[in-house]
Protein backbone atom coordinates (compact mmCIF):
# COMPACT_ATOMS: atom_id res chain seq x y z
CA MET A 1 -1.15 23.49 -6.52
CA LEU A 2 0.03 19.97 -5.71
CA TYR A 3 -2.14 17.06 -6.83
CA LEU A 4 -1.66 13.59 -5.31
CA VAL A 5 -2.85 11.30 -8.10
CA PRO A 6 -3.43 7.55 -7.65
CA THR A 7 -2.53 5.40 -10.66
CA PRO A 8 -3.66 1.86 -11.60
CA ILE A 9 -2.23 -1.02 -9.57
CA GLY A 10 -2.33 -3.26 -12.64
CA ASN A 11 -5.02 -2.74 -15.25
CA LEU A 12 -4.39 0.63 -16.93
CA GLU A 13 -8.14 1.06 -17.52
CA ASP A 14 -8.65 1.57 -13.78
CA ILE A 15 -7.52 5.20 -13.96
CA THR A 16 -10.23 7.81 -13.47
CA MET A 17 -11.23 10.53 -15.92
CA ARG A 18 -10.33 13.14 -13.31
CA ALA A 19 -6.85 11.66 -12.89
CA LEU A 20 -6.29 11.79 -16.65
CA SER A 21 -7.43 15.41 -16.94
CA THR A 22 -5.25 16.38 -13.99
CA LEU A 23 -2.15 14.70 -15.43
CA LYS A 24 -2.77 16.47 -18.74
CA SER A 25 -3.17 19.89 -17.14
CA VAL A 26 -0.19 20.12 -14.74
CA ASP A 27 3.18 21.64 -15.56
CA VAL A 28 5.15 18.70 -14.15
CA ILE A 29 4.43 15.12 -13.10
CA LEU A 30 6.65 13.89 -10.26
CA ALA A 31 7.06 10.14 -10.76
CA GLU A 32 8.54 7.38 -8.62
CA ASP A 33 9.85 5.74 -11.81
CA THR A 34 9.58 7.77 -15.01
CA ARG A 35 9.73 4.59 -17.12
CA VAL A 36 6.69 3.08 -15.40
CA THR A 37 4.68 6.33 -15.48
CA GLY A 38 5.82 6.92 -19.06
CA LYS A 39 3.92 3.81 -20.18
CA LEU A 40 0.72 5.14 -18.61
CA LEU A 41 1.18 8.58 -20.17
CA SER A 42 1.88 7.04 -23.57
CA ARG A 43 -1.29 4.93 -23.35
CA TYR A 44 -3.41 8.05 -22.82
CA GLU A 45 -1.34 10.44 -24.98
CA ILE A 46 -0.39 12.71 -22.09
CA LYS A 47 2.48 15.09 -22.90
CA SER A 48 3.13 16.70 -19.51
CA LYS A 49 6.78 16.90 -18.42
CA LEU A 50 8.04 14.02 -16.26
CA GLN A 51 10.51 14.36 -13.39
CA SER A 52 11.78 11.62 -11.08
CA PHE A 53 10.88 11.84 -7.40
CA HIS A 54 11.56 8.73 -5.35
CA THR A 55 12.89 7.45 -2.04
CA HIS A 56 16.52 7.96 -3.01
CA ASN A 57 16.25 11.60 -4.14
CA GLU A 58 13.23 13.08 -2.35
CA HIS A 59 15.29 14.69 0.45
CA HIS A 60 17.60 16.27 -2.12
CA LYS A 61 14.82 17.57 -4.40
CA LEU A 62 12.28 18.55 -1.75
CA GLY A 63 13.35 22.17 -1.30
CA GLN A 64 13.53 22.84 -5.02
CA ILE A 65 10.07 21.39 -5.65
CA ILE A 66 8.50 23.37 -2.81
CA GLU A 67 10.05 26.55 -4.20
CA ARG A 68 8.65 25.87 -7.66
CA LEU A 69 5.20 25.17 -6.25
CA ALA A 70 5.37 28.38 -4.23
CA ASN A 71 6.25 30.25 -7.43
CA GLY A 72 3.06 29.10 -9.14
CA GLU A 73 3.76 25.80 -10.86
CA ASN A 74 1.12 23.07 -10.77
CA MET A 75 2.47 19.58 -10.09
CA ALA A 76 1.08 16.06 -9.81
CA LEU A 77 2.74 13.40 -7.69
CA VAL A 78 2.33 9.75 -8.72
CA SER A 79 3.86 6.48 -7.55
CA ASP A 80 4.41 3.42 -9.72
CA ALA A 81 1.02 2.08 -8.69
CA GLY A 82 -1.74 3.04 -6.27
CA SER A 83 -1.98 6.07 -4.03
CA PRO A 84 1.17 8.15 -3.32
CA GLY A 85 2.27 8.00 0.31
CA ILE A 86 0.84 4.53 1.00
CA SER A 87 4.10 2.56 1.34
CA ASP A 88 5.41 4.79 -1.48
CA PRO A 89 7.09 8.24 -1.67
CA GLY A 90 4.77 11.16 -0.96
CA PHE A 91 4.57 11.76 2.77
CA LEU A 92 7.57 14.12 2.99
CA LEU A 93 6.39 16.28 0.09
CA THR A 94 2.82 16.39 1.43
CA ARG A 95 4.00 17.44 4.89
CA GLU A 96 6.35 20.10 3.52
CA ALA A 97 3.69 21.49 1.18
CA ILE A 98 1.28 21.87 4.11
CA ALA A 99 3.98 23.51 6.22
CA ASN A 100 4.61 26.06 3.46
CA GLY A 101 0.95 26.89 2.88
CA ILE A 102 0.82 25.29 -0.56
CA GLU A 103 -2.63 24.19 -1.67
CA LEU A 104 -2.92 20.46 -2.30
CA THR A 105 -5.54 17.83 -2.94
CA CYS A 106 -5.60 14.05 -3.19
CA LEU A 107 -7.72 12.38 -5.86
CA PRO A 108 -9.54 9.18 -4.84
CA GLY A 109 -8.42 6.12 -6.71
CA PRO A 110 -6.72 2.73 -6.79
CA THR A 111 -5.05 1.05 -3.84
CA ALA A 112 -4.29 -2.65 -3.39
CA VAL A 113 -5.49 -2.75 0.24
CA ILE A 114 -9.25 -2.43 -0.28
CA PRO A 115 -9.73 -4.96 -3.15
CA ALA A 116 -7.63 -7.55 -1.27
CA LEU A 117 -9.59 -6.94 1.91
CA VAL A 118 -12.99 -7.19 0.24
CA MET A 119 -12.07 -10.30 -1.80
CA SER A 120 -10.60 -12.13 1.20
CA GLY A 121 -13.93 -13.15 2.70
CA ILE A 122 -12.50 -12.09 6.07
CA PRO A 123 -14.41 -9.47 8.12
CA CYS A 124 -13.56 -5.99 6.82
CA ASP A 125 -15.69 -3.70 8.98
CA LYS A 126 -12.54 -2.94 11.02
CA PHE A 127 -8.95 -3.56 10.00
CA TYR A 128 -5.36 -2.63 10.81
CA PHE A 129 -2.93 -1.84 7.97
CA GLU A 130 0.75 -2.55 8.62
CA GLY A 131 2.26 -1.75 5.21
CA PHE A 132 5.40 -3.75 4.40
CA ILE A 133 6.58 -5.88 7.32
CA PRO A 134 10.36 -5.81 8.08
CA GLN A 135 12.54 -8.06 5.95
CA LYS A 136 14.75 -9.27 8.81
CA LYS A 137 15.23 -7.29 12.01
CA GLY A 138 11.91 -6.79 13.74
CA LYS A 139 9.99 -9.21 11.53
CA GLN A 140 9.14 -11.68 14.30
CA THR A 141 8.17 -8.84 16.66
CA THR A 142 5.88 -7.35 14.01
CA ILE A 143 4.15 -10.66 13.24
CA ASN A 144 3.72 -11.35 16.95
CA PHE A 145 2.04 -7.95 17.27
CA LEU A 146 -0.27 -8.60 14.30
CA LEU A 147 -1.32 -11.91 15.81
CA THR A 148 -2.58 -10.09 18.93
CA MET A 149 -4.84 -7.72 16.98
CA PRO A 150 -8.56 -8.42 17.54
CA CYS A 151 -9.45 -6.98 14.13
CA THR A 152 -8.45 -8.07 10.63
CA THR A 153 -4.88 -7.15 9.67
CA VAL A 154 -3.51 -6.32 6.22
CA PHE A 155 0.11 -6.12 5.10
CA TYR A 156 2.22 -6.10 1.95
CA GLU A 157 4.87 -8.70 1.21
CA SER A 158 7.38 -9.55 -1.52
CA PRO A 159 6.77 -12.68 -3.64
CA HIS A 160 10.26 -13.85 -2.65
CA ARG A 161 9.45 -13.70 1.08
CA ILE A 162 5.76 -14.58 1.23
CA LEU A 163 6.20 -18.30 2.00
CA LYS A 164 8.73 -17.62 4.74
CA SER A 165 6.44 -14.98 6.28
CA VAL A 166 3.36 -17.20 6.28
CA LYS A 167 5.41 -20.03 7.82
CA MET A 168 6.53 -17.63 10.56
CA ILE A 169 2.88 -16.81 11.29
CA ALA A 170 2.28 -20.54 11.78
CA ASP A 171 5.38 -20.96 13.95
CA LEU A 172 4.27 -18.08 16.20
CA GLY A 173 0.89 -19.64 16.95
CA GLY A 174 -1.25 -18.60 14.00
CA ALA A 175 -1.44 -21.91 12.13
CA ASP A 176 -5.25 -22.05 12.37
CA ARG A 177 -5.83 -18.38 11.58
CA GLN A 178 -7.85 -17.63 8.40
CA ILE A 179 -5.74 -15.86 5.80
CA CYS A 180 -5.91 -14.70 2.19
CA VAL A 181 -2.87 -14.10 -0.01
CA SER A 182 -3.78 -11.91 -2.99
CA ARG A 183 -1.43 -11.28 -5.88
CA GLU A 184 -1.56 -9.50 -9.24
CA ILE A 185 -4.76 -7.68 -8.27
CA SER A 186 -6.65 -6.35 -11.34
CA LYS A 187 -4.22 -8.09 -13.72
CA MET A 188 -4.76 -11.07 -16.02
CA TYR A 189 -3.32 -13.60 -13.56
CA GLU A 190 -5.02 -12.28 -10.43
CA GLU A 191 -5.10 -14.93 -7.72
CA ASN A 192 -6.52 -15.17 -4.20
CA ILE A 193 -5.27 -18.05 -2.04
CA ARG A 194 -7.61 -18.55 0.91
CA GLY A 195 -7.74 -20.88 3.89
CA THR A 196 -6.07 -21.43 7.22
CA VAL A 197 -2.40 -20.48 7.45
CA THR A 198 -1.51 -24.18 7.33
CA GLU A 199 -3.63 -24.70 4.19
CA VAL A 200 -2.18 -21.63 2.47
CA ILE A 201 1.38 -22.79 3.20
CA ALA A 202 0.62 -26.11 1.47
CA LEU A 203 -0.82 -24.30 -1.57
CA LEU A 204 2.14 -21.91 -1.80
CA GLU A 205 4.61 -24.81 -1.57
CA GLN A 206 3.02 -26.37 -4.65
CA LYS A 207 3.99 -23.39 -6.79
CA THR A 208 7.26 -23.47 -8.72
CA SER A 209 7.44 -19.68 -8.59
CA ILE A 210 5.45 -16.83 -7.07
CA LYS A 211 5.29 -13.50 -8.88
CA GLY A 212 3.58 -10.15 -8.57
CA GLU A 213 2.66 -7.66 -5.87
CA ILE A 214 1.21 -9.40 -2.81
CA VAL A 215 -1.30 -8.33 -0.17
CA VAL A 216 -1.94 -10.53 2.87
CA VAL A 217 -5.23 -10.33 4.81
CA MET A 218 -5.39 -12.17 8.14
CA ASP A 219 -8.32 -12.70 10.47
CA GLY A 220 -8.16 -11.11 13.90
CA ASN A 221 -7.46 -12.75 17.24
CA LYS A 222 -10.80 -14.02 18.50
CA ASP A 223 -9.51 -14.95 21.94
CA GLU A 224 -11.87 -13.27 24.42
CA LEU A 225 -9.09 -12.71 26.97
CA ASN A 226 -6.99 -10.94 24.33
CA GLU A 227 -9.91 -8.71 23.32
CA LYS A 228 -10.48 -7.81 26.98
CA LYS A 229 -6.79 -6.89 27.38
CA VAL A 230 -6.85 -4.71 24.27
CA LYS A 231 -10.02 -2.91 25.43
CA GLU A 232 -8.52 -2.31 28.88
CA LYS A 233 -5.32 -0.96 27.35
CA ASN A 234 -7.26 1.38 25.02
CA LYS A 235 -9.42 2.57 27.93
CA PHE A 236 -6.28 3.31 29.92
CA LEU A 237 -4.68 5.21 27.02
CA ASN A 238 -7.85 7.27 26.46
CA THR A 239 -7.88 8.42 30.07
CA LYS A 240 -4.28 9.68 30.00
């Protein structure tokens, strides 16, 4: 059995009782960073064996792990924070487990997307999640695409690149768009910076340093012509 187990995105008390019992019961915990997961296990006195499984070794270890699962071992997959597979390792193992008929389940739990979306004050009945936007090549194309979306958009960004990214949104025509930059969600220094893109740029420029994991929530394109184009395109795609 393979268990996909979400872990806290900041506050270690956000883990569920089911997640704790699962981590205690499995033969092996596959961790993105054993040092990070080790702190969580130490906090809750969990003695299960830890093994590294991350972006740089998942292709190499995949076959071995599938074989062990097929031979009866129970394993849990965790990332450093949040749900495995959401901008973190996990997709390849999940796909391979399904292909090999291995039973798996995903526990519900923490993810940075939903708290940031709900706290933004921006409509959250429909949204598009981009994950991490490109660092260099393709960044402008991606932001241009997000600016055309009629619904709310959500993406992750590094603290070192957030100001540059928000400025690019302004440069590409989104200066008046409502936006919320959330950082350190669930931690002591949680912060939500809200306003138009122009206002948020001014607030970010006042900071001497920006730290922590960042989620950006941006209001959708309310241009009626754009919404009509999107609906026509979707109608065309649905008829093909």
